[in-house]
Amino acid sequence: MGDEKSASQSTMKLGLWLTFIAFLLIVAVFHSKISEITFGEKGVSAKMMSPQDTNKFSAQERQNAQQALSQRVSTLEEQAKSQPQSTHTGDAQEPQSQLTNATYQATIPNIAGYWGAVDGSAYMITQNGNYVVFQGYSNGVLSVAGNGQISGSDLTLQTTNLAYRAGTLSLQISQDLRQLNGTYTDVMTNQSFPIQIYR
C-alpha cells in the first residue's frame, strides 16, 4: 500500500513538473505575446495579447513595436527580391523552352501600390514577381506587415501585427485588379474576419 501511495505521489509530481515545463516552453515561445499570467487554484493560465492591447502601449513600447515591424518589412522585402522567379505559366500546351520571363511576368497580376479600406486603413503592397510584401497602416501608423505569394488570382499572406499576433490573409484578386476580397484568420484564436481592400 505504501508503494502504491509513493508511486501515485511520484506520478503526480512528474505531472506537475511536466506541466511546469510545458508552461515554460509556452512562455519562451510566446514571451512577447503574453499580457498576463495568473496562478490560482485551477492551475496556471496566461492571457495572450490582443490587437486592441496595443492601445495600452506606452509611447516607448509602441515605438519599439513599430521599429520591430518596420525591420520585419525590410527583411521581407529583401527576401522577396532574392526569391528565384519561375518561368512556367502553368499552360501545359506551351513548351517551357518557348516561355520567356516577360511572358511569365505578364500572367502575374500586378497588385503593387497603395490600397485602402472602408475603415480608413491604408495598405502598401510591394511586389517582386509573384512574391508580395504587405504593409498595413492604421491612423498613419504601421500596424501590420506580412509576406506571401500570388498563385493565379489568389494571394496568401502570413502577417504579424503590432501586438505580435500572427495571422493569415487569404485574398482573391479581382479581374480588374482593383479589389482584394477574402478573410483574415488570427492564428492564435483561429477566428476569421472578412476583409476587402480596394484601389
N, C-alpha and C. Protein backbone atom coordinates (compact mmCIF):
# COMPACT_ATOMS: atom_id res chain seq x y z
N MET A 1 0.83 -1.19 0.00
CA MET A 1 0.00 0.00 0.00
C MET A 1 0.88 1.25 0.00
N GLY A 2 2.00 1.19 0.76
CA GLY A 2 2.91 2.32 0.82
C GLY A 2 3.55 2.59 -0.52
N ASP A 3 3.88 1.51 -1.25
CA ASP A 3 4.49 1.67 -2.57
C ASP A 3 3.50 2.28 -3.56
N GLU A 4 2.23 1.91 -3.43
CA GLU A 4 1.19 2.44 -4.29
C GLU A 4 1.03 3.95 -4.09
N LYS A 5 1.04 4.37 -2.82
CA LYS A 5 0.90 5.78 -2.49
C LYS A 5 2.13 6.56 -2.98
N SER A 6 3.29 5.97 -2.81
CA SER A 6 4.53 6.61 -3.25
C SER A 6 4.55 6.74 -4.77
N ALA A 7 4.10 5.69 -5.46
CA ALA A 7 4.04 5.74 -6.93
C ALA A 7 3.05 6.80 -7.39
N SER A 8 1.91 6.89 -6.69
CA SER A 8 0.90 7.88 -7.03
C SER A 8 1.44 9.29 -6.85
N GLN A 9 2.18 9.51 -5.75
CA GLN A 9 2.77 10.83 -5.49
C GLN A 9 3.85 11.14 -6.52
N SER A 10 4.63 10.13 -6.90
CA SER A 10 5.66 10.34 -7.92
C SER A 10 5.04 10.72 -9.25
N THR A 11 3.96 10.03 -9.59
CA THR A 11 3.26 10.33 -10.83
C THR A 11 2.69 11.74 -10.80
N MET A 12 2.15 12.13 -9.66
CA MET A 12 1.59 13.48 -9.50
C MET A 12 2.70 14.53 -9.64
N LYS A 13 3.84 14.28 -8.99
CA LYS A 13 4.96 15.22 -9.09
C LYS A 13 5.46 15.32 -10.53
N LEU A 14 5.56 14.15 -11.18
CA LEU A 14 6.00 14.15 -12.57
C LEU A 14 5.03 14.97 -13.44
N GLY A 15 3.74 14.77 -13.22
CA GLY A 15 2.73 15.52 -13.96
C GLY A 15 2.86 17.02 -13.72
N LEU A 16 3.10 17.42 -12.48
CA LEU A 16 3.28 18.84 -12.17
C LEU A 16 4.53 19.39 -12.84
N TRP A 17 5.61 18.62 -12.80
CA TRP A 17 6.83 19.08 -13.44
C TRP A 17 6.65 19.20 -14.95
N LEU A 18 5.98 18.23 -15.55
CA LEU A 18 5.75 18.29 -16.99
C LEU A 18 4.86 19.49 -17.36
N THR A 19 3.86 19.75 -16.53
CA THR A 19 3.00 20.91 -16.75
C THR A 19 3.82 22.20 -16.64
N PHE A 20 4.68 22.26 -15.63
CA PHE A 20 5.52 23.44 -15.43
C PHE A 20 6.47 23.63 -16.62
N ILE A 21 7.08 22.54 -17.10
CA ILE A 21 7.99 22.63 -18.23
C ILE A 21 7.23 23.06 -19.49
N ALA A 22 6.04 22.51 -19.69
CA ALA A 22 5.22 22.92 -20.83
C ALA A 22 4.88 24.40 -20.74
N PHE A 23 4.56 24.86 -19.55
CA PHE A 23 4.25 26.28 -19.35
C PHE A 23 5.47 27.13 -19.69
N LEU A 24 6.66 26.71 -19.23
CA LEU A 24 7.88 27.46 -19.54
C LEU A 24 8.14 27.52 -21.05
N LEU A 25 7.86 26.41 -21.73
CA LEU A 25 8.02 26.41 -23.19
C LEU A 25 7.05 27.40 -23.84
N ILE A 26 5.83 27.42 -23.36
CA ILE A 26 4.85 28.37 -23.90
C ILE A 26 5.31 29.80 -23.67
N VAL A 27 5.80 30.08 -22.47
CA VAL A 27 6.29 31.42 -22.16
C VAL A 27 7.48 31.76 -23.06
N ALA A 28 8.38 30.80 -23.28
CA ALA A 28 9.55 31.05 -24.11
C ALA A 28 9.14 31.35 -25.56
N VAL A 29 8.19 30.61 -26.08
CA VAL A 29 7.76 30.80 -27.46
C VAL A 29 6.95 32.08 -27.61
N PHE A 30 6.05 32.34 -26.68
CA PHE A 30 5.14 33.48 -26.81
C PHE A 30 5.47 34.61 -25.84
N HIS A 31 6.74 34.72 -25.41
CA HIS A 31 7.10 35.67 -24.36
C HIS A 31 6.59 37.08 -24.61
N SER A 32 6.65 37.55 -25.82
CA SER A 32 6.23 38.93 -26.06
C SER A 32 4.74 39.04 -26.33
N LYS A 33 4.05 37.91 -26.40
CA LYS A 33 2.62 37.93 -26.71
C LYS A 33 1.75 37.73 -25.48
N ILE A 34 2.36 37.46 -24.33
CA ILE A 34 1.59 37.20 -23.12
C ILE A 34 1.44 38.52 -22.36
N SER A 35 0.21 38.88 -22.07
CA SER A 35 -0.02 40.14 -21.36
C SER A 35 -0.29 39.92 -19.88
N GLU A 36 -0.65 38.70 -19.49
CA GLU A 36 -0.97 38.44 -18.09
C GLU A 36 -0.81 36.95 -17.78
N ILE A 37 -0.19 36.65 -16.65
CA ILE A 37 -0.06 35.27 -16.18
C ILE A 37 -0.71 35.18 -14.81
N THR A 38 -1.58 34.18 -14.63
CA THR A 38 -2.31 34.02 -13.38
C THR A 38 -2.03 32.64 -12.79
N PHE A 39 -1.67 32.62 -11.52
CA PHE A 39 -1.51 31.36 -10.79
C PHE A 39 -2.67 31.25 -9.82
N GLY A 40 -3.40 30.15 -9.86
CA GLY A 40 -4.56 30.02 -8.98
C GLY A 40 -4.86 28.57 -8.67
N GLU A 41 -5.99 28.35 -8.03
CA GLU A 41 -6.40 27.01 -7.63
C GLU A 41 -6.57 26.09 -8.83
N LYS A 42 -6.97 26.64 -9.95
CA LYS A 42 -7.21 25.83 -11.14
C LYS A 42 -5.95 25.69 -12.00
N GLY A 43 -4.82 26.11 -11.49
CA GLY A 43 -3.57 25.99 -12.22
C GLY A 43 -3.09 27.33 -12.73
N VAL A 44 -2.30 27.28 -13.77
CA VAL A 44 -1.68 28.47 -14.35
C VAL A 44 -2.41 28.80 -15.64
N SER A 45 -2.68 30.07 -15.83
CA SER A 45 -3.28 30.50 -17.08
C SER A 45 -2.54 31.73 -17.58
N ALA A 46 -2.53 31.89 -18.88
CA ALA A 46 -1.87 33.04 -19.49
C ALA A 46 -2.85 33.69 -20.46
N LYS A 47 -2.90 35.00 -20.43
CA LYS A 47 -3.74 35.75 -21.34
C LYS A 47 -2.85 36.30 -22.45
N MET A 48 -3.22 35.97 -23.70
CA MET A 48 -2.44 36.44 -24.84
C MET A 48 -2.83 37.88 -25.17
N MET A 49 -1.87 38.61 -25.69
CA MET A 49 -2.10 40.00 -26.06
C MET A 49 -2.99 40.04 -27.31
N SER A 50 -3.98 40.90 -27.28
CA SER A 50 -4.86 41.06 -28.45
C SER A 50 -4.46 42.33 -29.19
N PRO A 51 -4.88 42.47 -30.44
CA PRO A 51 -4.55 43.68 -31.18
C PRO A 51 -5.04 44.96 -30.48
N GLN A 52 -6.14 44.88 -29.73
CA GLN A 52 -6.65 46.05 -29.03
C GLN A 52 -5.71 46.46 -27.88
N ASP A 53 -4.89 45.52 -27.40
CA ASP A 53 -3.97 45.84 -26.31
C ASP A 53 -2.89 46.83 -26.73
N THR A 54 -2.70 47.00 -28.04
CA THR A 54 -1.69 47.97 -28.47
C THR A 54 -2.10 49.39 -28.08
N ASN A 55 -3.38 49.60 -27.84
CA ASN A 55 -3.84 50.92 -27.39
C ASN A 55 -3.32 51.23 -26.00
N LYS A 56 -2.95 50.18 -25.25
CA LYS A 56 -2.45 50.36 -23.89
C LYS A 56 -0.93 50.51 -23.84
N PHE A 57 -0.26 50.41 -25.00
CA PHE A 57 1.19 50.54 -25.05
C PHE A 57 1.61 51.93 -24.60
N SER A 58 2.72 52.01 -23.90
CA SER A 58 3.32 53.31 -23.62
C SER A 58 3.93 53.82 -24.92
N ALA A 59 4.29 55.07 -24.95
CA ALA A 59 4.88 55.64 -26.17
C ALA A 59 6.13 54.85 -26.57
N GLN A 60 6.94 54.48 -25.59
CA GLN A 60 8.17 53.73 -25.87
C GLN A 60 7.87 52.32 -26.38
N GLU A 61 6.88 51.65 -25.78
CA GLU A 61 6.50 50.30 -26.23
C GLU A 61 5.97 50.34 -27.66
N ARG A 62 5.15 51.36 -27.96
CA ARG A 62 4.60 51.49 -29.31
C ARG A 62 5.72 51.75 -30.31
N GLN A 63 6.66 52.62 -29.94
CA GLN A 63 7.77 52.93 -30.83
C GLN A 63 8.63 51.68 -31.07
N ASN A 64 8.89 50.90 -30.02
CA ASN A 64 9.67 49.67 -30.17
C ASN A 64 8.95 48.67 -31.08
N ALA A 65 7.64 48.53 -30.90
CA ALA A 65 6.86 47.60 -31.72
C ALA A 65 6.85 48.06 -33.18
N GLN A 66 6.72 49.36 -33.41
CA GLN A 66 6.73 49.88 -34.77
C GLN A 66 8.09 49.68 -35.43
N GLN A 67 9.16 49.88 -34.66
CA GLN A 67 10.50 49.66 -35.21
C GLN A 67 10.70 48.19 -35.56
N ALA A 68 10.22 47.30 -34.71
CA ALA A 68 10.33 45.87 -34.99
C ALA A 68 9.55 45.51 -36.24
N LEU A 69 8.36 46.08 -36.40
CA LEU A 69 7.55 45.81 -37.58
C LEU A 69 8.20 46.39 -38.83
N SER A 70 8.76 47.58 -38.73
CA SER A 70 9.45 48.20 -39.87
C SER A 70 10.66 47.35 -40.29
N GLN A 71 11.37 46.84 -39.29
CA GLN A 71 12.51 45.97 -39.58
C GLN A 71 12.04 44.70 -40.27
N ARG A 72 10.90 44.18 -39.84
CA ARG A 72 10.33 42.98 -40.47
C ARG A 72 10.00 43.26 -41.94
N VAL A 73 9.44 44.43 -42.22
CA VAL A 73 9.12 44.79 -43.60
C VAL A 73 10.39 44.81 -44.44
N SER A 74 11.45 45.43 -43.93
CA SER A 74 12.72 45.49 -44.67
C SER A 74 13.25 44.09 -44.95
N THR A 75 13.20 43.23 -43.95
CA THR A 75 13.67 41.85 -44.12
C THR A 75 12.83 41.12 -45.14
N LEU A 76 11.50 41.28 -45.07
CA LEU A 76 10.60 40.61 -46.02
C LEU A 76 10.84 41.09 -47.45
N GLU A 77 11.08 42.39 -47.62
CA GLU A 77 11.33 42.92 -48.96
C GLU A 77 12.63 42.36 -49.53
N GLU A 78 13.66 42.25 -48.69
CA GLU A 78 14.93 41.67 -49.14
C GLU A 78 14.74 40.20 -49.51
N GLN A 79 13.98 39.48 -48.72
CA GLN A 79 13.72 38.07 -49.02
C GLN A 79 12.96 37.94 -50.34
N ALA A 80 11.98 38.80 -50.56
CA ALA A 80 11.19 38.74 -51.80
C ALA A 80 12.08 39.00 -53.02
N LYS A 81 13.00 39.94 -52.90
CA LYS A 81 13.90 40.26 -54.01
C LYS A 81 14.84 39.10 -54.33
N SER A 82 15.17 38.32 -53.32
CA SER A 82 16.13 37.23 -53.53
C SER A 82 15.47 35.93 -53.98
N GLN A 83 14.14 35.89 -54.05
CA GLN A 83 13.44 34.67 -54.45
C GLN A 83 13.62 34.43 -55.95
N PRO A 84 13.92 33.18 -56.32
CA PRO A 84 14.02 32.88 -57.76
C PRO A 84 12.63 32.97 -58.39
N GLN A 85 12.58 33.48 -59.57
CA GLN A 85 11.32 33.62 -60.28
C GLN A 85 11.16 32.47 -61.26
N SER A 86 10.06 31.78 -61.14
CA SER A 86 9.74 30.68 -62.04
C SER A 86 9.43 31.23 -63.42
N THR A 87 9.67 30.44 -64.43
CA THR A 87 9.32 30.88 -65.79
C THR A 87 8.23 30.00 -66.37
N HIS A 88 7.45 29.35 -65.54
CA HIS A 88 6.40 28.45 -66.00
C HIS A 88 5.04 29.08 -65.75
N THR A 89 4.22 29.15 -66.79
CA THR A 89 2.90 29.77 -66.65
C THR A 89 1.83 28.80 -66.23
N GLY A 90 2.13 27.52 -66.32
CA GLY A 90 1.11 26.54 -65.97
C GLY A 90 0.32 26.07 -67.18
N ASP A 91 0.61 26.62 -68.37
CA ASP A 91 -0.07 26.21 -69.59
C ASP A 91 0.61 24.97 -70.14
N ALA A 92 -0.06 23.84 -70.06
CA ALA A 92 0.53 22.57 -70.45
C ALA A 92 0.77 22.49 -71.95
N GLN A 93 0.08 23.29 -72.76
CA GLN A 93 0.23 23.22 -74.21
C GLN A 93 1.44 24.00 -74.71
N GLU A 94 1.97 24.90 -73.89
CA GLU A 94 3.09 25.73 -74.32
C GLU A 94 4.38 25.14 -73.76
N PRO A 95 5.32 24.77 -74.64
CA PRO A 95 6.57 24.19 -74.15
C PRO A 95 7.34 25.17 -73.29
N GLN A 96 7.98 24.66 -72.24
CA GLN A 96 8.72 25.51 -71.30
C GLN A 96 9.78 26.33 -72.02
N SER A 97 10.44 25.77 -73.03
CA SER A 97 11.53 26.47 -73.71
C SER A 97 11.05 27.71 -74.45
N GLN A 98 9.75 27.79 -74.81
CA GLN A 98 9.23 28.93 -75.54
C GLN A 98 8.80 30.07 -74.61
N LEU A 99 8.75 29.79 -73.31
CA LEU A 99 8.31 30.82 -72.37
C LEU A 99 9.46 31.75 -72.04
N THR A 100 9.16 33.02 -71.94
CA THR A 100 10.17 33.98 -71.52
C THR A 100 9.75 34.55 -70.18
N ASN A 101 10.67 35.19 -69.50
CA ASN A 101 10.35 35.81 -68.23
C ASN A 101 9.28 36.88 -68.43
N ALA A 102 9.31 37.58 -69.56
CA ALA A 102 8.31 38.62 -69.84
C ALA A 102 6.92 38.00 -69.97
N THR A 103 6.84 36.82 -70.62
CA THR A 103 5.56 36.12 -70.75
C THR A 103 5.03 35.76 -69.38
N TYR A 104 5.92 35.21 -68.56
CA TYR A 104 5.50 34.81 -67.21
C TYR A 104 5.06 36.02 -66.40
N GLN A 105 5.83 37.10 -66.45
CA GLN A 105 5.50 38.30 -65.69
C GLN A 105 4.14 38.85 -66.11
N ALA A 106 3.81 38.73 -67.40
CA ALA A 106 2.53 39.24 -67.89
C ALA A 106 1.35 38.45 -67.32
N THR A 107 1.57 37.20 -66.91
CA THR A 107 0.48 36.39 -66.38
C THR A 107 0.27 36.61 -64.88
N ILE A 108 1.21 37.27 -64.23
CA ILE A 108 1.08 37.54 -62.79
C ILE A 108 0.36 38.87 -62.62
N PRO A 109 -0.74 38.89 -61.87
CA PRO A 109 -1.45 40.16 -61.64
C PRO A 109 -0.53 41.16 -60.93
N ASN A 110 -0.51 42.38 -61.40
CA ASN A 110 0.28 43.43 -60.76
C ASN A 110 -0.60 44.13 -59.72
N ILE A 111 -0.34 43.85 -58.46
CA ILE A 111 -1.12 44.46 -57.39
C ILE A 111 -0.30 45.43 -56.55
N ALA A 112 0.92 45.73 -57.02
CA ALA A 112 1.79 46.65 -56.29
C ALA A 112 1.15 48.03 -56.23
N GLY A 113 1.33 48.68 -55.11
CA GLY A 113 0.84 50.04 -54.97
C GLY A 113 0.09 50.26 -53.67
N TYR A 114 -0.67 51.35 -53.65
CA TYR A 114 -1.40 51.75 -52.45
C TYR A 114 -2.84 51.29 -52.53
N TRP A 115 -3.35 50.82 -51.40
CA TRP A 115 -4.70 50.30 -51.29
C TRP A 115 -5.37 50.92 -50.07
N GLY A 116 -6.69 50.88 -50.03
CA GLY A 116 -7.43 51.43 -48.90
C GLY A 116 -8.56 50.51 -48.48
N ALA A 117 -9.15 50.81 -47.34
CA ALA A 117 -10.31 50.06 -46.84
C ALA A 117 -11.35 51.05 -46.36
N VAL A 118 -12.57 50.58 -46.23
CA VAL A 118 -13.69 51.43 -45.81
C VAL A 118 -13.42 52.07 -44.44
N ASP A 119 -12.74 51.35 -43.55
CA ASP A 119 -12.49 51.87 -42.20
C ASP A 119 -11.38 52.92 -42.15
N GLY A 120 -10.80 53.28 -43.30
CA GLY A 120 -9.77 54.30 -43.34
C GLY A 120 -8.36 53.73 -43.28
N SER A 121 -8.23 52.44 -43.12
CA SER A 121 -6.91 51.82 -43.11
C SER A 121 -6.29 51.96 -44.50
N ALA A 122 -4.97 52.07 -44.53
CA ALA A 122 -4.24 52.17 -45.79
C ALA A 122 -3.25 51.01 -45.87
N TYR A 123 -3.00 50.55 -47.07
CA TYR A 123 -2.11 49.41 -47.27
C TYR A 123 -1.15 49.71 -48.41
N MET A 124 0.07 49.23 -48.28
CA MET A 124 1.04 49.35 -49.35
C MET A 124 1.54 47.94 -49.68
N ILE A 125 1.48 47.62 -50.96
CA ILE A 125 1.94 46.32 -51.42
C ILE A 125 3.11 46.53 -52.36
N THR A 126 4.22 45.86 -52.05
CA THR A 126 5.34 45.81 -52.97
C THR A 126 5.40 44.40 -53.52
N GLN A 127 5.85 44.29 -54.75
CA GLN A 127 5.76 43.01 -55.43
C GLN A 127 7.02 42.76 -56.24
N ASN A 128 7.52 41.55 -56.17
CA ASN A 128 8.64 41.10 -56.99
C ASN A 128 8.20 39.78 -57.62
N GLY A 129 7.73 39.85 -58.85
CA GLY A 129 7.17 38.66 -59.48
C GLY A 129 5.91 38.26 -58.74
N ASN A 130 5.85 37.02 -58.28
CA ASN A 130 4.66 36.59 -57.55
C ASN A 130 4.85 36.69 -56.04
N TYR A 131 6.00 37.20 -55.58
CA TYR A 131 6.24 37.42 -54.15
C TYR A 131 5.78 38.82 -53.75
N VAL A 132 5.06 38.88 -52.64
CA VAL A 132 4.43 40.14 -52.22
C VAL A 132 4.80 40.44 -50.77
N VAL A 133 5.05 41.72 -50.51
CA VAL A 133 5.22 42.22 -49.14
C VAL A 133 4.08 43.19 -48.89
N PHE A 134 3.41 43.02 -47.75
CA PHE A 134 2.19 43.74 -47.41
C PHE A 134 2.42 44.56 -46.16
N GLN A 135 2.04 45.85 -46.20
CA GLN A 135 2.13 46.72 -45.03
C GLN A 135 0.77 47.37 -44.80
N GLY A 136 0.30 47.35 -43.56
CA GLY A 136 -0.98 47.96 -43.23
C GLY A 136 -0.78 49.10 -42.25
N TYR A 137 -1.47 50.20 -42.50
CA TYR A 137 -1.36 51.39 -41.66
C TYR A 137 -2.73 51.75 -41.10
N SER A 138 -2.77 52.00 -39.82
CA SER A 138 -3.98 52.44 -39.16
C SER A 138 -3.69 53.78 -38.50
N ASN A 139 -4.44 54.80 -38.87
CA ASN A 139 -4.19 56.16 -38.38
C ASN A 139 -2.76 56.60 -38.67
N GLY A 140 -2.23 56.20 -39.81
CA GLY A 140 -0.89 56.60 -40.22
C GLY A 140 0.23 55.82 -39.56
N VAL A 141 -0.09 54.82 -38.76
CA VAL A 141 0.92 54.04 -38.03
C VAL A 141 0.99 52.64 -38.63
N LEU A 142 2.21 52.19 -38.94
CA LEU A 142 2.39 50.83 -39.42
C LEU A 142 1.89 49.88 -38.35
N SER A 143 0.87 49.08 -38.67
CA SER A 143 0.25 48.23 -37.66
C SER A 143 0.26 46.75 -38.02
N VAL A 144 0.57 46.42 -39.28
CA VAL A 144 0.64 45.02 -39.68
C VAL A 144 1.59 44.90 -40.86
N ALA A 145 2.32 43.79 -40.90
CA ALA A 145 3.22 43.52 -42.02
C ALA A 145 3.19 42.03 -42.31
N GLY A 146 3.39 41.71 -43.56
CA GLY A 146 3.39 40.30 -43.92
C GLY A 146 3.95 40.08 -45.31
N ASN A 147 4.06 38.82 -45.65
CA ASN A 147 4.52 38.46 -46.98
C ASN A 147 3.83 37.20 -47.44
N GLY A 148 3.89 36.98 -48.76
CA GLY A 148 3.27 35.79 -49.31
C GLY A 148 3.44 35.74 -50.80
N GLN A 149 2.61 34.93 -51.45
CA GLN A 149 2.73 34.72 -52.88
C GLN A 149 1.39 34.78 -53.58
N ILE A 150 1.47 35.19 -54.83
CA ILE A 150 0.32 35.15 -55.71
C ILE A 150 0.35 33.83 -56.45
N SER A 151 -0.78 33.18 -56.49
CA SER A 151 -0.93 31.96 -57.28
C SER A 151 -2.23 32.10 -58.08
N GLY A 152 -2.08 32.38 -59.37
CA GLY A 152 -3.26 32.66 -60.19
C GLY A 152 -3.88 33.96 -59.73
N SER A 153 -5.13 33.90 -59.29
CA SER A 153 -5.80 35.10 -58.76
C SER A 153 -5.92 35.05 -57.24
N ASP A 154 -5.19 34.13 -56.60
CA ASP A 154 -5.20 34.01 -55.15
C ASP A 154 -3.93 34.59 -54.55
N LEU A 155 -4.09 35.25 -53.43
CA LEU A 155 -2.97 35.82 -52.69
C LEU A 155 -3.07 35.35 -51.25
N THR A 156 -2.03 34.71 -50.76
CA THR A 156 -1.99 34.25 -49.37
C THR A 156 -0.80 34.90 -48.69
N LEU A 157 -1.06 35.55 -47.56
CA LEU A 157 -0.03 36.28 -46.82
C LEU A 157 0.02 35.84 -45.37
N GLN A 158 1.22 35.70 -44.83
CA GLN A 158 1.41 35.45 -43.41
C GLN A 158 1.76 36.80 -42.79
N THR A 159 1.01 37.22 -41.78
CA THR A 159 1.17 38.56 -41.23
C THR A 159 1.50 38.54 -39.74
N THR A 160 2.03 39.66 -39.28
CA THR A 160 2.27 39.91 -37.86
C THR A 160 1.84 41.34 -37.59
N ASN A 161 1.15 41.58 -36.45
CA ASN A 161 0.72 42.95 -36.15
C ASN A 161 1.53 43.52 -34.99
N LEU A 162 1.21 44.75 -34.60
CA LEU A 162 1.93 45.43 -33.52
C LEU A 162 1.89 44.67 -32.21
N ALA A 163 0.85 43.90 -31.98
CA ALA A 163 0.72 43.12 -30.75
C ALA A 163 1.42 41.76 -30.88
N TYR A 164 2.21 41.60 -31.95
CA TYR A 164 2.95 40.36 -32.21
C TYR A 164 2.02 39.18 -32.45
N ARG A 165 0.83 39.44 -32.94
CA ARG A 165 -0.13 38.37 -33.26
C ARG A 165 0.08 37.97 -34.71
N ALA A 166 0.13 36.68 -34.96
CA ALA A 166 0.29 36.16 -36.32
C ALA A 166 -1.08 35.93 -36.93
N GLY A 167 -1.16 36.09 -38.22
CA GLY A 167 -2.41 35.86 -38.92
C GLY A 167 -2.15 35.47 -40.36
N THR A 168 -3.21 35.03 -41.02
CA THR A 168 -3.13 34.66 -42.43
C THR A 168 -4.21 35.43 -43.19
N LEU A 169 -3.78 36.12 -44.23
CA LEU A 169 -4.71 36.80 -45.14
C LEU A 169 -4.85 35.92 -46.38
N SER A 170 -6.06 35.52 -46.68
CA SER A 170 -6.36 34.74 -47.89
C SER A 170 -7.25 35.61 -48.75
N LEU A 171 -6.70 36.10 -49.85
CA LEU A 171 -7.40 37.08 -50.66
C LEU A 171 -7.55 36.62 -52.11
N GLN A 172 -8.62 37.06 -52.72
CA GLN A 172 -8.89 36.81 -54.13
C GLN A 172 -8.69 38.14 -54.85
N ILE A 173 -7.90 38.13 -55.91
CA ILE A 173 -7.63 39.33 -56.70
C ILE A 173 -8.71 39.47 -57.77
N SER A 174 -9.36 40.62 -57.81
CA SER A 174 -10.42 40.83 -58.81
C SER A 174 -9.81 40.91 -60.21
N GLN A 175 -10.63 40.63 -61.23
CA GLN A 175 -10.14 40.65 -62.61
C GLN A 175 -9.63 42.01 -63.03
N ASP A 176 -10.26 43.09 -62.50
CA ASP A 176 -9.81 44.43 -62.87
C ASP A 176 -8.65 44.92 -62.00
N LEU A 177 -8.16 44.06 -61.09
CA LEU A 177 -7.01 44.35 -60.21
C LEU A 177 -7.26 45.54 -59.29
N ARG A 178 -8.54 45.80 -58.96
CA ARG A 178 -8.87 46.95 -58.13
C ARG A 178 -9.41 46.56 -56.76
N GLN A 179 -9.64 45.26 -56.53
CA GLN A 179 -10.15 44.81 -55.23
C GLN A 179 -9.45 43.52 -54.81
N LEU A 180 -9.24 43.41 -53.51
CA LEU A 180 -8.77 42.18 -52.88
C LEU A 180 -9.82 41.81 -51.85
N ASN A 181 -10.46 40.67 -52.02
CA ASN A 181 -11.53 40.23 -51.13
C ASN A 181 -11.15 38.89 -50.52
N GLY A 182 -11.47 38.72 -49.25
CA GLY A 182 -11.19 37.43 -48.63
C GLY A 182 -11.35 37.48 -47.13
N THR A 183 -10.48 36.75 -46.43
CA THR A 183 -10.57 36.66 -44.98
C THR A 183 -9.20 36.82 -44.33
N TYR A 184 -9.25 37.31 -43.12
CA TYR A 184 -8.08 37.34 -42.24
C TYR A 184 -8.37 36.33 -41.13
N THR A 185 -7.44 35.43 -40.87
CA THR A 185 -7.60 34.44 -39.81
C THR A 185 -6.50 34.64 -38.78
N ASP A 186 -6.91 34.87 -37.53
CA ASP A 186 -5.98 35.01 -36.42
C ASP A 186 -5.45 33.62 -36.08
N VAL A 187 -4.14 33.44 -36.12
CA VAL A 187 -3.54 32.13 -35.90
C VAL A 187 -3.78 31.63 -34.47
N MET A 188 -3.78 32.52 -33.49
CA MET A 188 -3.93 32.12 -32.09
C MET A 188 -5.36 31.65 -31.77
N THR A 189 -6.34 32.38 -32.29
CA THR A 189 -7.73 32.08 -31.93
C THR A 189 -8.47 31.31 -33.02
N ASN A 190 -7.88 31.27 -34.22
CA ASN A 190 -8.49 30.63 -35.39
C ASN A 190 -9.79 31.32 -35.81
N GLN A 191 -10.00 32.54 -35.37
CA GLN A 191 -11.17 33.31 -35.78
C GLN A 191 -10.88 33.97 -37.13
N SER A 192 -11.88 33.98 -37.99
CA SER A 192 -11.74 34.60 -39.31
C SER A 192 -12.65 35.81 -39.44
N PHE A 193 -12.17 36.80 -40.16
CA PHE A 193 -12.92 38.02 -40.38
C PHE A 193 -12.85 38.37 -41.87
N PRO A 194 -13.95 38.87 -42.43
CA PRO A 194 -13.91 39.26 -43.85
C PRO A 194 -13.04 40.51 -44.02
N ILE A 195 -12.39 40.59 -45.16
CA ILE A 195 -11.59 41.77 -45.45
C ILE A 195 -11.78 42.13 -46.92
N GLN A 196 -11.86 43.44 -47.17
CA GLN A 196 -11.96 43.93 -48.55
C GLN A 196 -11.14 45.20 -48.63
N ILE A 197 -10.20 45.20 -49.53
CA ILE A 197 -9.43 46.42 -49.76
C ILE A 197 -9.53 46.74 -51.25
N TYR A 198 -9.30 47.99 -51.57
CA TYR A 198 -9.51 48.46 -52.94
C TYR A 198 -8.52 49.54 -53.29
N ARG A 199 -8.43 49.82 -54.58
CA ARG A 199 -7.61 50.94 -55.07
C ARG A 199 -8.28 51.60 -56.25
